[in-house]
Protein backbone atom coordinates (compact mmCIF):
# COMPACT_ATOMS: atom_id res chain seq x y z
CA MET A 1 -2.26 -16.46 -13.64
CA GLN A 2 -4.35 -13.31 -14.16
CA ALA A 3 -3.09 -9.63 -14.74
CA ARG A 4 -3.80 -8.44 -11.21
CA ILE A 5 -2.01 -5.16 -9.97
CA ILE A 6 -0.46 -5.66 -6.62
CA ILE A 7 0.59 -3.22 -4.52
CA ALA A 8 -0.72 -4.07 -1.18
CA ILE A 9 1.83 -1.88 0.09
CA VAL A 10 1.12 0.89 -2.13
CA ALA A 11 -2.39 0.58 -0.93
CA LEU A 12 -0.43 -0.21 2.11
CA VAL A 13 0.80 3.01 1.56
CA VAL A 14 -1.21 5.77 -0.05
CA VAL A 15 -4.72 4.57 -0.83
CA VAL A 16 -5.77 3.62 2.62
CA GLY A 17 -8.04 0.85 1.62
CA GLY A 18 -9.05 -1.05 -1.56
CA GLY A 19 -11.31 -4.19 -2.77
CA ILE A 20 -14.59 -5.54 -1.85
CA TRP A 21 -14.48 -6.36 2.01
CA TRP A 22 -17.92 -6.03 3.56
CA TRP A 23 -17.53 -5.95 7.24
CA GLN A 24 -20.65 -6.80 9.48
CA THR A 25 -21.08 -5.62 13.22
CA SER A 26 -23.42 -5.00 15.76
CA ARG A 27 -21.54 -3.38 18.09
CA ALA A 28 -22.08 0.57 18.84
CA PRO A 29 -19.61 2.89 17.18
CA ALA A 30 -16.50 3.23 19.29
CA ALA A 31 -16.06 6.57 21.15
CA PRO A 32 -13.75 9.17 19.15
CA THR A 33 -10.15 8.74 19.50
CA PRO A 34 -7.84 11.58 20.65
CA VAL A 35 -4.54 12.31 19.19
CA VAL A 36 -2.06 14.77 20.05
CA ILE A 37 0.38 15.77 17.35
CA GLN A 38 3.24 18.22 17.55
CA PRO A 39 3.41 20.22 14.73
CA GLN A 40 6.46 20.07 12.78
CA ALA A 41 7.14 23.81 12.53
CA PRO A 42 10.57 24.98 11.44
CA GLN A 43 13.10 25.79 14.32
CA GLN A 44 13.39 29.62 14.90
CA PRO A 45 17.07 30.99 15.94
CA VAL A 46 17.13 32.23 19.44
CA GLU A 47 19.12 35.22 20.46
CA ASP A 48 21.41 35.23 23.70
CA GLY A 49 19.02 35.30 26.97
CA GLU A 50 15.87 34.61 25.02
CA VAL A 51 13.72 31.65 26.24
CA PRO A 52 12.72 29.33 23.58
CA SER A 53 9.00 29.49 23.00
CA THR A 54 7.27 26.23 23.17
CA PRO A 55 4.91 25.57 20.05
CA ASP A 56 1.14 24.96 20.93
CA VAL A 57 0.04 21.25 20.92
CA GLN A 58 -2.44 20.80 18.17
CA ARG A 59 -4.91 18.40 19.52
CA VAL A 60 -6.45 16.28 16.52
CA VAL A 61 -9.61 14.21 17.21
CA LEU A 62 -9.85 11.14 15.22
CA PRO A 63 -13.53 9.85 14.20
CA ALA A 64 -14.41 6.29 15.31
CA LEU A 65 -13.37 3.43 13.37
CA ASP A 66 -16.57 2.98 11.94
CA ALA A 67 -17.24 6.47 10.83
CA SER A 68 -13.46 7.51 9.52
CA ASP A 69 -13.98 6.96 6.11
CA GLY A 70 -14.95 10.62 4.98
CA TYR A 71 -11.95 11.73 7.36
CA VAL A 72 -9.32 9.74 5.40
CA ARG A 73 -10.64 10.43 2.00
CA GLU A 74 -10.34 14.21 2.86
CA GLU A 75 -6.77 13.62 4.20
CA VAL A 76 -5.60 11.53 1.43
CA SER A 77 -6.81 13.81 -0.92
CA LEU A 78 -4.69 16.52 0.76
CA ILE A 79 -1.54 14.50 -0.29
CA ALA A 80 -2.50 13.16 -3.86
CA PRO A 81 -5.92 14.30 -5.33
CA GLN A 82 -5.10 11.32 -8.10
CA LEU A 83 -6.10 8.71 -5.52
CA ALA A 84 -9.88 10.09 -5.58
CA GLU A 85 -11.02 7.07 -7.57
CA TRP A 86 -9.49 4.71 -5.45
CA LEU A 87 -10.85 5.81 -2.19
CA LYS A 88 -14.63 5.57 -3.26
CA GLN A 89 -14.54 2.11 -1.27
CA ASP A 90 -16.13 1.81 2.15
CA ASP A 91 -14.26 0.77 5.24
CA LEU A 92 -10.85 2.02 4.01
CA VAL A 93 -8.95 1.79 7.37
CA ARG A 94 -10.13 -1.99 8.00
CA ARG A 95 -9.39 -2.60 4.01
CA PHE A 96 -5.71 -0.98 4.60
CA ALA A 97 -5.25 -3.44 7.53
CA VAL A 98 -5.85 -6.52 5.74
CA ILE A 99 -3.62 -5.28 2.62
CA VAL A 100 -0.65 -4.65 5.30
CA ASP A 101 -1.63 -7.94 7.19
CA ASN A 102 -1.50 -9.90 3.98
CA ALA A 103 1.63 -7.84 2.51
CA ARG A 104 3.89 -8.65 5.58
CA THR A 105 3.40 -12.46 5.24
CA GLY A 106 4.13 -12.22 1.29
CA GLU A 107 0.29 -13.01 0.35
CA TYR A 108 -1.65 -11.16 -2.43
CA PRO A 109 -4.76 -9.18 -1.12
CA ARG A 110 -6.47 -10.32 -3.92
CA ARG A 111 -9.95 -9.08 -2.64
CA GLN A 112 -8.88 -5.85 -1.19
CA LEU A 113 -7.35 -5.01 -4.47
CA ALA A 114 -10.01 -6.62 -6.72
CA PHE A 115 -11.08 -2.78 -7.89
CA LEU A 116 -7.55 -2.39 -9.46
CA THR A 117 -7.68 -5.55 -11.56
CA LEU A 118 -7.02 -4.85 -15.22
CA ALA A 119 -9.75 -5.83 -17.98
CA ASN A 120 -7.29 -7.61 -20.37
CA LYS A 121 -5.25 -10.68 -19.70
CA PHE A 122 -1.85 -10.90 -19.08
CA PRO A 123 -0.12 -10.78 -22.40
CA ALA A 124 2.32 -13.52 -23.34
CA LEU A 125 4.61 -13.88 -26.66
CA GLN A 126 5.58 -16.95 -28.45
CA SER A 127 9.34 -16.90 -29.10
CA GLY A 128 10.54 -19.84 -30.71
CA ASP A 129 9.50 -22.79 -28.75
CA ARG A 130 8.88 -20.67 -25.63
CA MET A 131 6.34 -18.53 -24.32
CA ILE A 132 7.50 -15.21 -22.68
CA ALA A 133 5.90 -12.27 -20.87
CA ASP A 134 5.28 -9.55 -23.46
CA PRO A 135 7.46 -6.45 -22.46
CA ASP A 136 4.70 -3.95 -23.82
CA GLY A 137 2.20 -5.50 -21.44
CA TYR A 138 4.51 -3.78 -18.47
CA HIS A 139 3.07 -0.18 -19.59
CA ARG A 140 -0.33 -1.12 -18.39
CA PHE A 141 1.00 -0.64 -15.00
CA ASP A 142 2.72 2.79 -15.70
CA ALA A 143 -0.31 5.10 -14.67
CA PHE A 144 -0.97 2.87 -11.64
CA VAL A 145 2.73 3.50 -10.43
CA ASP A 146 2.53 7.18 -11.55
CA ILE A 147 -0.27 7.63 -9.17
CA VAL A 148 1.10 5.57 -6.49
CA ILE A 149 4.31 7.83 -6.32
CA SER A 150 2.62 11.06 -6.51
CA ALA A 151 1.85 10.89 -2.86
CA ASP A 152 4.79 12.88 -1.03
CA PRO A 153 6.16 9.99 0.89
CA GLN A 154 7.03 12.10 3.88
CA ARG A 155 3.26 13.63 4.14
CA ALA A 156 1.95 9.77 3.39
CA ALA A 157 4.00 8.40 6.57
CA SER A 158 3.02 11.44 8.85
CA LEU A 159 -0.87 10.52 7.87
CA LEU A 160 -0.67 6.95 8.51
CA ARG A 161 1.15 7.74 11.96
CA THR A 162 -1.91 9.95 12.59
CA LEU A 163 -4.12 6.93 11.48
CA SER A 164 -2.07 4.81 13.96
CA PRO A 165 -5.22 4.47 16.76
CA LEU A 166 -7.64 3.42 14.04
CA LEU A 167 -5.21 1.07 12.43
CA VAL A 168 -4.60 -0.75 15.87
CA ALA A 169 -8.14 -1.21 16.26
CA ALA A 170 -8.58 -2.41 12.67
CA PHE A 171 -5.64 -4.98 13.36
CA SER A 172 -6.84 -6.10 16.29
CA GLU A 173 -10.06 -6.88 14.76
CA LEU A 174 -8.03 -9.35 12.30
CA GLY A 175 -6.39 -10.90 15.49
CA VAL A 176 -2.87 -9.54 15.43
CA LYS A 177 -1.88 -9.20 19.06
CA ASP A 178 -0.63 -5.88 20.50
CA PRO A 179 -0.23 -4.55 16.86
CA ASP A 180 2.43 -1.85 16.11
CA PRO A 181 1.05 -0.63 12.80
CA ALA A 182 4.64 0.97 11.73
CA ALA A 183 6.20 -2.12 12.22
CA LEU A 184 3.59 -4.04 10.22
CA MET A 185 3.62 -1.68 7.24
CA ARG A 186 7.53 -1.98 7.42
CA ALA A 187 7.19 -5.48 7.42
CA GLY A 188 4.98 -5.51 4.41
CA ILE A 189 7.26 -2.99 2.65
CA ASP A 190 10.05 -5.55 3.01
CA GLN A 191 8.44 -8.14 1.58
CA ALA A 192 7.86 -6.03 -1.54
CA LEU A 193 11.45 -4.67 -1.41
CA ALA A 194 12.52 -8.26 -1.45
CA THR A 195 11.14 -8.73 -5.07
CA PRO A 196 14.03 -9.76 -7.21
CA ALA A 197 15.07 -7.72 -10.42
CA ILE A 198 14.95 -9.63 -13.45
CA GLU A 199 16.03 -8.32 -16.57
CA GLY A 200 15.42 -9.90 -20.16
CA ASP A 201 12.95 -12.37 -20.98
CA ILE A 202 10.86 -14.14 -18.55
CA GLU A 203 9.60 -17.32 -19.52
CA LEU A 204 6.17 -18.62 -18.77
CA LEU A 205 4.38 -22.02 -18.89
CA GLN A 206 0.58 -22.54 -19.21
CA PRO A 207 -0.38 -25.87 -18.04
CA LYS A 208 -3.96 -25.03 -17.44
CA VAL A 209 -5.75 -21.55 -18.01
CA TYR A 210 -3.14 -19.27 -15.85
CA TYR A 211 0.53 -18.44 -16.69
CA LEU A 212 3.34 -19.96 -14.26
CA TYR A 213 6.74 -18.80 -14.36
CA ALA A 214 8.70 -21.34 -16.29
CA ASP A 215 11.66 -20.52 -13.44
CA PRO A 216 11.11 -22.73 -10.56
CA LYS A 217 12.72 -19.77 -8.18
CA LEU A 218 10.53 -17.53 -9.46
CA GLU A 219 7.47 -19.68 -9.11
CA ALA A 220 8.36 -20.43 -5.88
CA LEU A 221 8.21 -16.50 -4.68
CA PRO A 222 5.64 -15.40 -2.36
CA ALA A 223 2.31 -14.47 -4.15
CA LEU A 224 3.11 -10.68 -3.59
CA GLN A 225 6.34 -10.70 -5.21
CA LYS A 226 5.41 -12.99 -8.18
CA GLN A 227 2.73 -10.25 -8.91
CA LEU A 228 4.88 -7.33 -8.56
CA LEU A 229 7.08 -8.99 -11.09
CA ARG A 230 4.12 -8.52 -13.59
CA MET A 231 4.87 -4.74 -13.48
CA GLY A 232 8.06 -5.05 -15.20
CA PRO A 233 11.75 -4.07 -14.12
CA GLN A 234 11.31 -0.44 -14.49
CA ASN A 235 7.99 0.08 -12.72
CA LEU A 236 9.30 -2.35 -9.94
CA GLU A 237 12.45 -0.07 -9.75
CA ARG A 238 10.16 2.76 -9.51
CA LEU A 239 7.99 1.20 -6.78
CA LYS A 240 10.79 0.06 -4.66
CA SER A 241 12.57 3.43 -4.73
CA TYR A 242 9.02 5.15 -3.43
CA LEU A 243 8.56 2.33 -0.79
CA SER A 244 12.03 2.64 0.30
CA GLN A 245 11.76 6.24 1.05
CA LEU A 246 8.48 5.65 2.57
CA LYS A 247 9.95 3.15 5.10
CA GLY A 248 12.40 5.60 6.11
CA TYR A 249 9.42 7.92 7.42
CA LEU A 250 7.58 5.39 9.29
């Protein structure tokens, strides 16, 4: 059991990409996709007899999927500059689609999040005749969660909605029929939110190289949830709180 950060949903959320996923294509780039977005200006009071003014419609023209990395990096950096290091990968929208598609079924997007792998192994302690997860090891994920939750959830959700046409194309390439990006992201978030909160020691087994959870119920959890458990109860609670907010805005 290697210590790997799972946050496909976070990546799902604010990274818009991650990992090593090289896409080969011989197709010509698709034409830019125009998206009309209503500005979210605050409502102004209207005096009796006045006709409310209609705000101008702002037209945002998205780049083609194959040429969207620069746009995504720029837009995400406005929401959370701390994510700059995570956005150095290529094919960000496609990578994010893979993360979401994995997360919604409870899978761990190992290849897409490989760049977040911690160098040190998952720490364990010997406690009598038992082996338990070292609570100090949970702090290895503190900075990761700090970065994830630094992105305003409402603005992150707004950007994801703006990117929806590109996500539809990316999900379609994965074979998802009639993809609804918001519904798929909510399904991925639900998988993360279903991760059980465990207080106290978590007993481990090491039959070979990797650690397993001694509790059969924990070991039977989806791969996504088992990875989230390794972040520790406090980080998991912080992440769940953020994802709940994000889901509400999608």
